[in-house]
Protein backbone atom coordinates (compact mmCIF):
# COMPACT_ATOMS: atom_id res chain seq x y z
CA MET A 1 68.35 4.80 30.37
CA GLY A 2 70.36 8.53 30.22
CA ILE A 3 70.45 8.99 34.13
CA GLU A 4 71.52 5.34 34.61
CA ILE A 5 74.26 5.73 32.26
CA LEU A 6 75.62 8.87 34.02
CA VAL A 7 75.16 7.70 37.26
CA ILE A 8 77.69 4.99 35.95
CA ILE A 9 79.77 7.95 34.19
CA LYS A 10 80.15 9.22 37.55
CA ALA A 11 80.91 6.20 39.32
CA ILE A 12 84.04 5.49 36.92
CA ILE A 13 85.39 9.17 37.70
CA MET A 14 84.98 8.82 41.69
CA GLY A 15 86.44 5.61 41.38
CA ILE A 16 89.17 7.31 39.16
CA VAL A 17 89.64 9.56 41.64
CA GLU A 18 89.72 7.48 44.99
CA GLY A 19 92.81 5.05 42.86
CA LEU A 20 94.74 7.93 42.13
CA THR A 21 94.94 9.69 45.61
CA GLU A 22 93.89 7.20 48.68
CA PHE A 23 97.53 6.40 48.74
CA ILE A 24 99.48 9.08 47.84
CA PRO A 25 100.08 12.09 49.83
CA VAL A 26 96.97 14.54 48.63
CA SER A 27 93.77 13.56 50.63
CA SER A 28 91.45 11.12 48.74
CA THR A 29 88.37 12.49 50.88
CA GLY A 30 88.88 15.58 49.77
CA HIS A 31 89.24 15.01 46.03
CA LEU A 32 86.02 12.70 46.48
CA ILE A 33 84.12 15.84 47.97
CA LEU A 34 85.38 18.15 45.66
CA THR A 35 84.55 16.16 42.86
CA GLY A 36 81.34 15.19 43.96
CA SER A 37 80.32 18.43 44.11
CA ILE A 38 81.63 19.22 40.59
CA ILE A 39 79.87 16.35 39.02
CA ASN A 40 76.62 16.90 41.47
CA PHE A 41 77.58 13.60 43.16
CA LYS A 42 76.25 14.27 46.43
CA GLY A 43 73.58 12.91 48.66
CA GLU A 44 72.90 9.07 50.82
CA PHE A 45 73.89 6.98 48.43
CA ALA A 46 77.32 8.90 47.26
CA ASP A 47 78.08 8.77 50.32
CA MET A 48 78.15 5.51 50.70
CA PHE A 49 79.39 4.96 47.41
CA GLU A 50 82.43 7.07 48.62
CA VAL A 51 83.46 4.02 51.54
CA VAL A 52 82.38 1.35 49.22
CA ILE A 53 85.66 2.30 46.58
CA GLN A 54 87.73 3.34 49.59
CA LEU A 55 87.60 -0.32 50.59
CA GLY A 56 88.41 -1.00 46.88
CA ALA A 57 91.20 0.70 47.52
CA ILE A 58 92.32 -1.27 50.43
CA LEU A 59 92.04 -4.56 48.46
CA ALA A 60 94.98 -3.13 46.28
CA VAL A 61 96.99 -3.34 49.64
CA VAL A 62 95.67 -6.72 50.57
CA VAL A 63 96.72 -7.80 47.17
CA LEU A 64 99.76 -6.07 46.62
CA TYR A 65 100.97 -6.95 50.18
CA TRP A 66 99.86 -10.28 51.02
CA GLN A 67 102.54 -12.56 51.20
CA LYS A 68 103.73 -9.67 54.04
CA ILE A 69 100.05 -9.97 55.41
CA LYS A 70 99.82 -13.92 55.23
CA ASP A 71 103.41 -14.23 57.20
CA SER A 72 102.31 -12.11 59.97
CA VAL A 73 99.01 -12.91 60.80
CA ILE A 74 100.73 -16.72 60.58
CA ASP A 75 103.48 -15.63 63.04
CA PHE A 76 101.17 -13.72 65.03
CA VAL A 77 99.17 -16.99 65.66
CA THR A 78 102.09 -19.19 66.39
CA TYR A 79 103.64 -16.63 68.66
CA ILE A 80 100.27 -16.80 71.08
CA PHE A 81 99.71 -20.96 70.78
CA THR A 82 103.59 -21.35 71.25
CA LYS A 83 103.83 -19.27 74.22
CA GLY A 84 106.60 -16.73 72.55
CA LYS A 85 108.51 -19.37 71.18
CA LYS A 86 108.04 -18.66 67.61
CA GLY A 87 106.95 -16.14 64.98
CA GLU A 88 108.15 -12.91 67.41
CA THR A 89 108.41 -10.91 63.93
CA GLY A 90 104.93 -11.00 62.53
CA PHE A 91 104.12 -10.51 66.14
CA LYS A 92 105.55 -7.94 66.97
CA PHE A 93 104.35 -5.98 63.84
CA GLY A 94 100.99 -7.32 64.46
CA ILE A 95 101.56 -5.37 67.94
CA ASN A 96 102.75 -2.37 65.79
CA VAL A 97 99.29 -2.12 63.75
CA ILE A 98 97.22 -2.36 66.30
CA VAL A 99 98.86 0.03 68.58
CA GLY A 100 99.24 2.38 65.67
CA THR A 101 95.06 2.60 65.25
CA ILE A 102 94.38 3.01 68.62
CA PRO A 103 94.60 6.78 68.34
CA ALA A 104 92.16 7.16 65.40
CA VAL A 105 89.78 4.16 66.99
CA ILE A 106 89.42 6.15 70.23
CA LEU A 107 88.85 9.53 68.29
CA GLY A 108 86.79 8.29 65.59
CA GLY A 109 84.95 6.25 68.12
CA ILE A 110 83.74 9.40 70.09
CA PHE A 111 83.92 12.35 67.25
CA HIS A 112 83.00 10.32 64.48
CA ASP A 113 79.59 11.62 63.39
CA LYS A 114 80.46 15.40 64.56
CA ILE A 115 83.09 14.94 62.18
CA LYS A 116 80.77 13.90 59.79
CA SER A 117 78.42 16.64 59.53
CA VAL A 118 80.68 19.38 60.29
CA LEU A 119 83.73 18.77 58.59
CA PHE A 120 83.04 17.08 55.16
CA GLY A 121 82.32 19.76 53.19
CA ALA A 122 84.15 21.84 50.01
CA GLY A 123 85.50 24.69 52.95
CA PRO A 124 86.78 22.48 55.44
CA VAL A 125 88.68 20.43 52.66
CA VAL A 126 90.61 23.39 51.23
CA ILE A 127 91.97 24.30 54.83
CA GLY A 128 93.20 20.82 54.66
CA PHE A 129 94.63 21.22 51.13
CA ILE A 130 96.56 24.22 52.21
CA VAL A 131 97.53 23.74 55.90
CA GLY A 132 98.36 20.27 55.11
CA GLY A 133 100.85 21.23 52.06
CA ILE A 134 102.46 23.38 54.39
CA LEU A 135 102.94 21.04 56.97
CA LEU A 136 104.26 18.35 54.86
CA ILE A 137 106.83 20.68 53.43
CA ILE A 138 108.01 21.54 57.03
CA ILE A 139 108.57 18.42 58.18
CA GLU A 140 109.83 16.59 55.22
CA ASN A 141 112.64 19.50 54.88
CA LYS A 142 113.46 18.68 59.05
CA PHE A 143 112.87 15.19 59.41
CA ARG A 144 113.43 13.37 55.60
CA LYS A 145 117.29 13.36 55.56
CA ASN A 146 117.87 11.15 58.63
CA LYS A 147 120.81 9.40 58.21
CA HIS A 148 119.87 6.86 61.16
CA ALA A 149 116.02 6.05 59.52
CA ILE A 150 114.93 2.77 60.04
CA LYS A 151 114.63 1.18 57.56
CA ASP A 152 113.01 -2.10 57.46
CA ILE A 153 109.33 -1.75 58.80
CA ASP A 154 109.96 -4.87 61.34
CA LYS A 155 112.10 -2.70 62.96
CA ILE A 156 109.59 -0.30 63.78
CA THR A 157 108.47 0.11 67.86
CA PRO A 158 105.56 0.61 69.55
CA MET A 159 106.08 3.93 70.62
CA GLU A 160 107.12 4.69 67.44
CA SER A 161 103.84 2.72 66.16
CA LEU A 162 102.04 5.19 68.61
CA LYS A 163 103.26 8.16 67.52
CA ILE A 164 102.00 7.42 63.63
CA GLY A 165 98.86 6.84 65.09
CA ILE A 166 98.55 10.09 66.64
CA PHE A 167 99.17 12.12 63.35
CA GLN A 168 96.80 9.67 61.23
CA CYS A 169 94.45 11.23 63.93
CA LEU A 170 95.08 14.38 61.49
CA ALA A 171 93.55 12.76 58.41
CA MET A 172 90.10 12.79 60.66
CA TRP A 173 90.14 16.40 59.40
CA PRO A 174 89.33 15.54 55.46
CA GLY A 175 92.01 17.14 53.21
CA MET A 176 94.66 16.78 55.49
CA SER A 177 95.35 13.17 53.84
CA ARG A 178 95.31 9.83 55.94
CA SER A 179 98.54 9.10 53.28
CA ALA A 180 100.09 12.57 54.56
CA SER A 181 99.54 12.34 58.27
CA THR A 182 101.25 9.05 58.48
CA ILE A 183 103.98 9.61 56.52
CA MET A 184 104.85 12.96 58.51
CA GLY A 185 104.51 11.35 61.58
CA GLY A 186 106.91 8.24 60.73
CA TRP A 187 109.20 11.07 59.48
CA VAL A 188 108.77 12.41 62.96
CA SER A 189 109.43 9.49 64.76
CA GLY A 190 112.72 8.23 62.63
CA LEU A 191 111.06 6.16 59.97
CA SER A 192 113.02 6.04 56.19
CA THR A 193 110.54 7.76 53.98
CA THR A 194 109.86 4.39 51.49
CA VAL A 195 109.32 2.47 55.25
CA ALA A 196 106.83 5.29 56.40
CA ALA A 197 104.76 4.97 53.32
CA GLU A 198 104.61 1.43 53.34
CA TYR A 199 103.90 1.14 57.19
CA SER A 200 101.24 3.83 56.31
CA PHE A 201 99.24 1.20 53.66
CA PHE A 202 99.09 -1.31 56.14
CA LEU A 203 97.91 1.01 58.70
CA ALA A 204 95.03 2.00 56.52
CA ILE A 205 93.48 -1.08 56.44
CA PRO A 206 91.99 -1.13 60.11
CA ALA A 207 91.52 2.53 59.89
CA MET A 208 89.36 2.76 56.53
CA VAL A 209 87.78 -0.83 57.08
CA GLY A 210 86.21 0.41 60.89
CA SER A 211 85.77 3.70 59.45
CA SER A 212 83.73 2.35 56.52
CA GLY A 213 82.22 -0.46 58.71
CA LEU A 214 80.70 2.07 60.90
CA ASP A 215 79.07 4.00 58.08
CA LEU A 216 77.83 0.96 55.90
CA ILE A 217 75.86 0.29 59.02
CA LYS A 218 74.15 3.18 59.22
CA PHE A 219 73.08 3.14 55.66
CA ASP A 220 69.59 2.79 54.63
CA TYR A 221 69.62 -0.69 52.12
CA SER A 222 66.42 0.04 50.92
CA LYS A 223 67.13 3.00 49.07
CA MET A 224 69.27 0.72 46.59
CA ASN A 225 68.43 -0.15 43.11
CA ALA A 226 69.61 -1.80 39.88
CA THR A 227 71.79 1.00 38.83
CA ASN A 228 73.00 1.78 42.20
CA ALA A 229 74.27 -1.38 42.29
CA ILE A 230 76.25 -1.80 39.49
CA ALA A 231 77.79 2.04 40.04
CA LEU A 232 79.23 0.48 43.36
CA LEU A 233 80.47 -2.84 41.94
CA VAL A 234 82.06 -0.52 39.10
CA GLY A 235 83.59 2.05 41.50
CA PHE A 236 85.28 -0.32 43.92
CA VAL A 237 86.47 -2.53 40.86
CA VAL A 238 88.05 1.26 39.26
CA SER A 239 89.56 2.41 42.38
CA PHE A 240 91.12 -1.03 43.00
CA ILE A 241 92.59 -1.31 39.94
CA ILE A 242 94.25 2.61 39.57
CA ALA A 243 95.50 2.08 43.30
CA LEU A 244 97.18 -1.20 42.94
CA ILE A 245 99.07 0.57 39.80
CA VAL A 246 99.82 4.09 41.88
CA MET A 247 100.99 2.36 44.98
CA LYS A 248 103.23 0.41 43.40
CA LYS A 249 104.72 3.78 41.05
CA PHE A 250 104.49 6.09 44.67
CA VAL A 251 107.04 3.78 46.35
CA SER A 252 109.21 3.50 43.52
CA TYR A 253 108.90 7.82 43.34
CA LEU A 254 109.78 7.62 46.87
CA LYS A 255 113.29 5.78 46.34
CA LYS A 256 114.31 8.50 44.40
CA ARG A 257 112.66 12.13 45.26
CA PRO A 258 111.31 13.56 47.55
CA MET A 259 107.52 14.49 48.71
CA ARG A 260 107.35 18.19 47.49
CA VAL A 261 105.79 18.08 44.20
CA PHE A 262 102.50 16.72 46.32
CA ALA A 263 102.81 19.45 48.69
CA VAL A 264 102.94 22.09 45.75
CA TYR A 265 100.45 20.56 44.28
CA ARG A 266 97.96 20.77 47.56
CA ILE A 267 98.50 24.12 48.08
CA GLY A 268 98.06 25.41 44.78
CA ALA A 269 94.83 23.34 44.14
CA GLY A 270 93.59 24.68 47.78
CA ILE A 271 94.32 28.21 46.28
CA ILE A 272 92.68 27.62 43.37
CA PHE A 273 89.59 26.13 44.91
CA ALA A 274 89.02 28.36 47.79
CA ILE A 275 89.25 30.86 44.29
CA LEU A 276 86.00 28.98 43.08
CA ILE A 277 84.49 28.83 46.47
CA LEU A 278 84.51 32.64 46.82
CA VAL A 279 82.90 33.32 42.95
CA GLY A 280 80.45 30.69 43.57
CA ALA A 281 81.13 28.28 41.27
CA LEU A 282 82.03 25.68 43.88
CA LYS A 283 79.47 25.11 46.92
CA ILE A 284 80.88 24.89 50.58
């Protein structure tokens, strides 16, 4: 009984970490790897658990932006069946999401296993934290104050979507952050901060569902038991609820303040974790 309760407690902790970090530019994958190392939540089930709770966070995007998603899907289908006479806005938005997803699909499909085996450790995460934080500061200082920035998500072009999609590939290095990578790509492409953040949320749906699907297919389900099943459910629900709250707060925050605070946090956390690795308190 004690072991079972401990697993559930670890599931709650991991769910909270995922929900807090998935959509802000600090790297949820990096935090999950480091947290898992600290609380000794590792192994094949832990790897699959992280995938499932990420899907919980993605569900938060679907719930929060359900009207936009539903309208876009209806427009997309309408545009096709009316041969372009109706539904142009939703069709263009759908195409932009597809175009923005293509770079990650290509690189992820080719290097998925290699990335998992080489980069998913505390050492690479620490490097990603620090490098990503520095890039965030540099790119925000140069591009955020663009007076002609795009302030309507439906005004994004396929070329801008492709640029953002290329930046999203940086997130394949755990610690870089998918949110930070796509927002930086949005700035470089001429998007306002809030539009870049919201577009980042939409790009997360196909990117994370695709990546998660590959992991779930490869998992050996014969190793599942009742405790693990409960842990999965608890982690999924916790990450969903926390992510829903954080997304709303994050967009409101970006309307008033810069993202420098997240960059400083990343660099500081990276330095602290690097010291812990050097003294042997955290294993690579």
